[in-house]
C-alpha atoms as a PDB file:
ATOM      1  CA  MET A   1       4.415   9.406  12.931  1.00  0.00           C
ATOM      2  CA  ALA A   2       1.666   6.990  11.378  1.00  0.00           C
ATOM      3  CA  THR A   3      -1.479   7.808  11.329  1.00  0.00           C
ATOM      4  CA  GLN A   4      -5.311   5.479  10.403  1.00  0.00           C
ATOM      5  CA  GLN A   5      -5.603   7.709   7.673  1.00  0.00           C
ATOM      6  CA  ASP A   6      -2.881   7.044   6.499  1.00  0.00           C
ATOM      7  CA  LEU A   7      -3.175   3.699   5.995  1.00  0.00           C
ATOM      8  CA  ASP A   8      -6.514   3.823   4.898  1.00  0.00           C
ATOM      9  CA  LEU A   9      -5.346   5.717   1.829  1.00  0.00           C
ATOM     10  CA  ALA A  10      -2.776   3.656   1.181  1.00  0.00           C
ATOM     11  CA  LYS A  11      -5.043   0.367   1.357  1.00  0.00           C
ATOM     12  CA  SER A  12      -7.149   2.233  -0.676  1.00  0.00           C
ATOM     13  CA  ALA A  13      -4.500   2.884  -3.589  1.00  0.00           C
ATOM     14  CA  TYR A  14      -3.298  -0.558  -3.705  1.00  0.00           C
ATOM     15  CA  GLN A  15      -6.874  -1.675  -3.944  1.00  0.00           C
ATOM     16  CA  GLN A  16      -7.628   0.476  -7.253  1.00  0.00           C
ATOM     17  CA  LEU A  17      -4.098  -0.489  -8.126  1.00  0.00           C
ATOM     18  CA  ILE A  18      -4.693  -4.405  -8.078  1.00  0.00           C
ATOM     19  CA  LEU A  19      -8.171  -3.808  -9.431  1.00  0.00           C
ATOM     20  CA  GLY A  20      -7.140  -2.108 -12.019  1.00  0.00           C
ATOM     21  CA  THR A  21      -9.723   1.069 -11.227  1.00  0.00           C
ATOM     22  CA  MET A  22      -6.689   3.275 -10.625  1.00  0.00           C
ATOM     23  CA  PRO A  23      -4.924   5.135 -14.445  1.00  0.00           C
ATOM     24  CA  ARG A  24      -1.551   2.783 -15.105  1.00  0.00           C
ATOM     25  CA  VAL A  25      -0.380   5.885 -16.920  1.00  0.00           C
ATOM     26  CA  VAL A  26      -1.216   9.605 -15.982  1.00  0.00           C
ATOM     27  CA  VAL A  27       0.127  12.361 -18.145  1.00  0.00           C
ATOM     28  CA  ASP A  28      -0.386  16.298 -16.516  1.00  0.00           C
ATOM     29  CA  GLN A  29      -0.543  19.381 -18.231  1.00  0.00           C
ATOM     30  CA  ASN A  30       3.236  19.544 -18.594  1.00  0.00           C
ATOM     31  CA  GLY A  31       3.360  16.420 -20.006  1.00  0.00           C
ATOM     32  CA  GLU A  32       5.064  15.536 -17.367  1.00  0.00           C
ATOM     33  CA  ARG A  33       4.283  11.184 -16.722  1.00  0.00           C
ATOM     34  CA  VAL A  34       3.489   8.959 -13.859  1.00  0.00           C
ATOM     35  CA  GLU A  35       3.213   5.215 -14.561  1.00  0.00           C
ATOM     36  CA  TYR A  36       2.552   2.572 -11.841  1.00  0.00           C
ATOM     37  CA  THR A  37       3.697  -0.672 -12.755  1.00  0.00           C
ATOM     38  CA  ALA A  38       3.906  -4.173 -10.631  1.00  0.00           C
ATOM     39  CA  THR A  39       6.953  -2.623  -8.716  1.00  0.00           C
ATOM     40  CA  ASN A  40       4.672   0.112  -6.961  1.00  0.00           C
ATOM     41  CA  ALA A  41       2.354  -2.668  -5.394  1.00  0.00           C
ATOM     42  CA  VAL A  42       4.578  -4.299  -3.742  1.00  0.00           C
ATOM     43  CA  LEU A  43       6.197  -1.193  -2.511  1.00  0.00           C
ATOM     44  CA  LEU A  44       3.023   0.093  -1.993  1.00  0.00           C
ATOM     45  CA  LYS A  45       2.371  -3.444   0.534  1.00  0.00           C
ATOM     46  CA  LYS A  46       5.544  -2.759   2.251  1.00  0.00           C
ATOM     47  CA  TYR A  47       4.066   0.258   2.744  1.00  0.00           C
ATOM     48  CA  ILE A  48       0.635  -0.555   4.422  1.00  0.00           C
ATOM     49  CA  ALA A  49       2.814  -3.100   6.199  1.00  0.00           C
ATOM     50  CA  GLU A  50       5.325  -0.616   7.750  1.00  0.00           C
ATOM     51  CA  LEU A  51       2.524   1.549   8.930  1.00  0.00           C
ATOM     52  CA  GLN A  52       0.511  -1.134  10.402  1.00  0.00           C
ATOM     53  CA  ARG A  53       3.267  -1.896  13.095  1.00  0.00           C
ATOM     54  CA  GLU A  54       3.721   1.775  13.988  1.00  0.00           C
ATOM     55  CA  LEU A  55       0.184   1.459  14.753  1.00  0.00           C
ATOM     56  CA  GLY A  56       0.517  -1.522  16.731  1.00  0.00           C
ATOM     57  CA  TYR A  57      -1.482  -3.945  14.095  1.00  0.00           C
ATOM     58  CA  ALA A  58      -0.312  -7.555  14.537  1.00  0.00           C
ATOM     59  CA  THR A  59       1.470  -8.935  11.559  1.00  0.00           C
ATOM     60  CA  THR A  60       2.953 -12.308  12.765  1.00  0.00           C
ATOM     61  CA  GLY A  61       2.125 -15.335  11.753  1.00  0.00           C
ATOM     62  CA  PRO A  62      -0.310 -17.794  13.397  1.00  0.00           C
ATOM     63  CA  MET A  63       1.054 -18.509  17.112  1.00  0.00           C
ATOM     64  CA  ARG A  64       2.763 -21.907  18.101  1.00  0.00           C
ATOM     65  CA  VAL A  65       1.686 -24.552  20.526  1.00  0.00           C
ATOM     66  CA  PHE A  66       4.487 -25.097  23.225  1.00  0.00           C
ATOM     67  CA  PHE A  67       4.396 -28.127  25.332  1.00  0.00           C
END
Protein backbone atom coordinates (compact mmCIF):
# COMPACT_ATOMS: atom_id res chain seq x y z
CA MET A 1 0.00 0.00 0.00
CA ALA A 2 1.21 3.48 -0.87
CA THR A 3 2.12 5.95 1.83
CA GLN A 4 2.51 9.71 1.79
CA GLN A 5 6.24 9.19 2.32
CA ASP A 6 6.43 7.09 -0.88
CA LEU A 7 4.71 9.89 -2.78
CA ASP A 8 7.00 12.56 -1.33
CA LEU A 9 10.11 10.55 -2.23
CA ALA A 10 8.88 9.94 -5.78
CA LYS A 11 8.09 13.63 -6.28
CA SER A 12 11.51 14.60 -4.94
CA ALA A 13 13.27 12.13 -7.25
CA TYR A 14 11.25 13.40 -10.23
CA GLN A 15 12.10 17.01 -9.43
CA GLN A 16 15.81 16.20 -9.07
CA LEU A 17 15.82 14.30 -12.36
CA ILE A 18 13.98 17.03 -14.27
CA LEU A 19 16.01 19.91 -12.81
CA GLY A 20 19.29 18.10 -13.43
CA THR A 21 20.37 17.95 -9.79
CA MET A 22 20.27 14.14 -9.81
CA PRO A 23 23.30 12.56 -11.47
CA ARG A 24 22.51 11.03 -14.85
CA VAL A 25 24.99 8.19 -14.36
CA VAL A 26 26.00 6.56 -11.08
CA VAL A 27 28.87 4.06 -10.84
CA ASP A 28 29.36 2.23 -7.54
CA GLN A 29 32.54 0.73 -6.07
CA ASN A 30 31.97 -2.57 -7.89
CA GLY A 31 31.82 -0.77 -11.22
CA GLU A 32 28.09 -1.34 -11.59
CA ARG A 33 26.53 1.47 -13.56
CA VAL A 34 23.03 2.93 -13.27
CA GLU A 35 21.95 5.45 -15.89
CA TYR A 36 18.89 7.67 -15.61
CA THR A 37 17.25 8.74 -18.85
CA ALA A 38 14.17 10.63 -20.05
CA THR A 39 12.32 7.31 -20.04
CA ASN A 40 12.90 7.10 -16.30
CA ALA A 41 11.24 10.50 -15.93
CA VAL A 42 8.13 9.29 -17.78
CA LEU A 43 7.95 6.12 -15.70
CA LEU A 44 8.47 8.12 -12.52
CA LYS A 45 5.63 10.48 -13.49
CA LYS A 46 3.33 7.47 -14.03
CA TYR A 47 4.40 6.04 -10.67
CA ILE A 48 3.56 9.36 -8.97
CA ALA A 49 0.09 9.34 -10.58
CA GLU A 50 -0.45 5.75 -9.41
CA LEU A 51 0.54 6.65 -5.84
CA GLN A 52 -1.79 9.65 -5.91
CA ARG A 53 -4.69 7.44 -7.00
CA GLU A 54 -3.95 4.95 -4.22
CA LEU A 55 -3.86 7.76 -1.67
CA GLY A 56 -7.15 9.19 -2.90
CA TYR A 57 -5.91 12.35 -4.58
CA ALA A 58 -8.20 13.61 -7.35
CA THR A 59 -6.29 13.43 -10.63
CA THR A 60 -9.22 13.75 -13.00
CA GLY A 61 -9.70 16.51 -15.53
CA PRO A 62 -11.86 19.59 -15.10
CA MET A 63 -15.49 19.21 -14.19
CA ARG A 64 -18.00 19.35 -17.00
CA VAL A 65 -21.06 21.55 -16.88
CA PHE A 66 -24.40 19.78 -17.34
CA PHE A 67 -27.59 21.59 -18.40
